[in-house]
Protein backbone atom coordinates (compact mmCIF):
# COMPACT_ATOMS: atom_id res chain seq x y z
CA MET A 1 -3.30 6.65 11.07
CA GLU A 2 -2.49 9.42 9.40
CA GLN A 3 -1.07 10.00 6.12
CA GLU A 4 2.11 11.65 7.54
CA ASP A 5 3.20 8.01 9.44
CA VAL A 6 3.12 6.16 5.93
CA ASP A 7 5.79 6.34 3.53
CA ILE A 8 5.76 4.38 0.48
CA SER A 9 8.88 3.76 -2.03
CA ILE A 10 10.19 1.78 -4.68
CA GLU A 11 13.29 -0.16 -4.36
CA ASN A 12 14.68 -3.10 -7.08
CA ASN A 13 11.43 -3.49 -8.40
CA THR A 14 9.86 -4.40 -4.80
CA LEU A 15 6.97 -1.60 -3.64
CA VAL A 16 7.69 -1.12 0.66
CA LEU A 17 5.06 0.21 2.75
CA ARG A 18 6.61 1.62 6.33
CA GLY A 19 4.69 3.32 8.79
CA GLU A 20 4.27 4.37 12.41
CA ARG A 21 1.30 3.10 14.72
CA LYS A 22 1.28 6.07 17.18
CA ARG A 23 -0.39 5.08 20.57
CA LYS A 24 -4.39 5.93 21.28
CA MET A 25 -6.34 5.82 23.87
CA GLU A 26 -4.69 3.89 27.05
CA PHE A 27 -7.15 3.09 30.32
CA ALA A 28 -5.85 2.48 33.80
CA GLU A 29 -7.48 2.21 36.97
CA LYS A 30 -6.82 0.44 40.30
CA ASP A 31 -7.00 -2.85 39.01
CA ALA A 32 -7.08 -3.02 35.02
CA TYR A 33 -5.21 -1.69 32.05
CA ARG A 34 -6.07 -1.47 28.76
CA LEU A 35 -4.96 -0.25 25.59
CA GLU A 36 -6.91 0.14 22.36
CA ARG A 37 -5.02 0.19 19.96
CA THR A 38 -1.68 -1.88 18.59
CA PHE A 39 1.60 0.80 17.77
CA GLY A 40 4.74 0.54 16.34
CA ALA A 41 6.99 0.75 13.39
CA PHE A 42 6.14 -1.53 10.18
CA THR A 43 7.45 -2.64 6.80
CA ARG A 44 5.76 -4.93 4.21
CA SER A 45 7.37 -5.58 0.90
CA PHE A 46 5.75 -6.12 -1.96
CA THR A 47 7.52 -7.90 -5.33
CA LEU A 48 5.80 -6.34 -8.14
CA PRO A 49 5.09 -7.99 -11.34
CA ARG A 50 7.13 -7.26 -14.71
CA THR A 51 3.52 -6.28 -16.06
CA VAL A 52 3.11 -2.83 -13.72
CA ASP A 53 4.60 0.28 -15.03
CA SER A 54 6.38 1.37 -11.68
CA ALA A 55 6.48 4.64 -13.00
CA ARG A 56 2.64 5.38 -13.12
CA ILE A 57 2.17 4.09 -9.51
CA SER A 58 0.14 6.56 -7.77
CA ALA A 59 -1.64 6.68 -4.03
CA SER A 60 -4.15 8.44 -2.53
CA TYR A 61 -5.35 8.61 1.47
CA LYS A 62 -8.97 9.25 2.86
CA ASN A 63 -11.22 8.65 5.44
CA GLY A 64 -7.86 6.30 7.08
CA MET A 65 -8.51 4.53 3.32
CA LEU A 66 -4.79 3.88 1.43
CA GLU A 67 -5.38 3.41 -1.81
CA LEU A 68 -2.21 2.00 -4.26
CA THR A 69 -2.93 2.16 -7.62
CA LEU A 70 -0.44 -0.16 -10.16
CA PRO A 71 -1.24 0.59 -13.36
CA LYS A 72 -0.24 -2.17 -16.23
CA LEU A 73 2.62 -1.52 -19.11
CA GLU A 74 1.13 -0.98 -22.30
CA GLN A 75 2.31 -3.79 -24.14
CA ALA A 76 1.42 -6.23 -20.91
CA LYS A 77 -2.39 -5.02 -21.78
CA GLN A 78 -4.83 -7.80 -23.51
CA ARG A 79 -5.50 -7.14 -27.29
CA LYS A 80 -8.32 -8.72 -29.68
CA ILE A 81 -6.71 -10.21 -32.54
CA GLU A 82 -8.88 -9.97 -35.75
CA ILE A 83 -9.13 -13.32 -37.64
CA LYS A 84 -9.52 -12.41 -41.28
CA ALA A 85 -11.01 -14.85 -43.98
CA ALA A 86 -8.91 -16.23 -46.73
């Protein structure tokens, strides 16, 4: 797939990934037919946890690999509490 074939959006705290796989190599002979890759439109939806900062979500695409980064909200990150001597 190419980067132009993929669309990412956020709708009501749900990450929606849409795309379309184009038809790739076809092979036809007298008595055989082979299709190397599946094709067609697809949609995937993921409900985001409340700890994700949806305003800072980023995506990158390199060598056919789509990578999404979902940063946590600052208040959701764990912090260490210092114990004071009495």
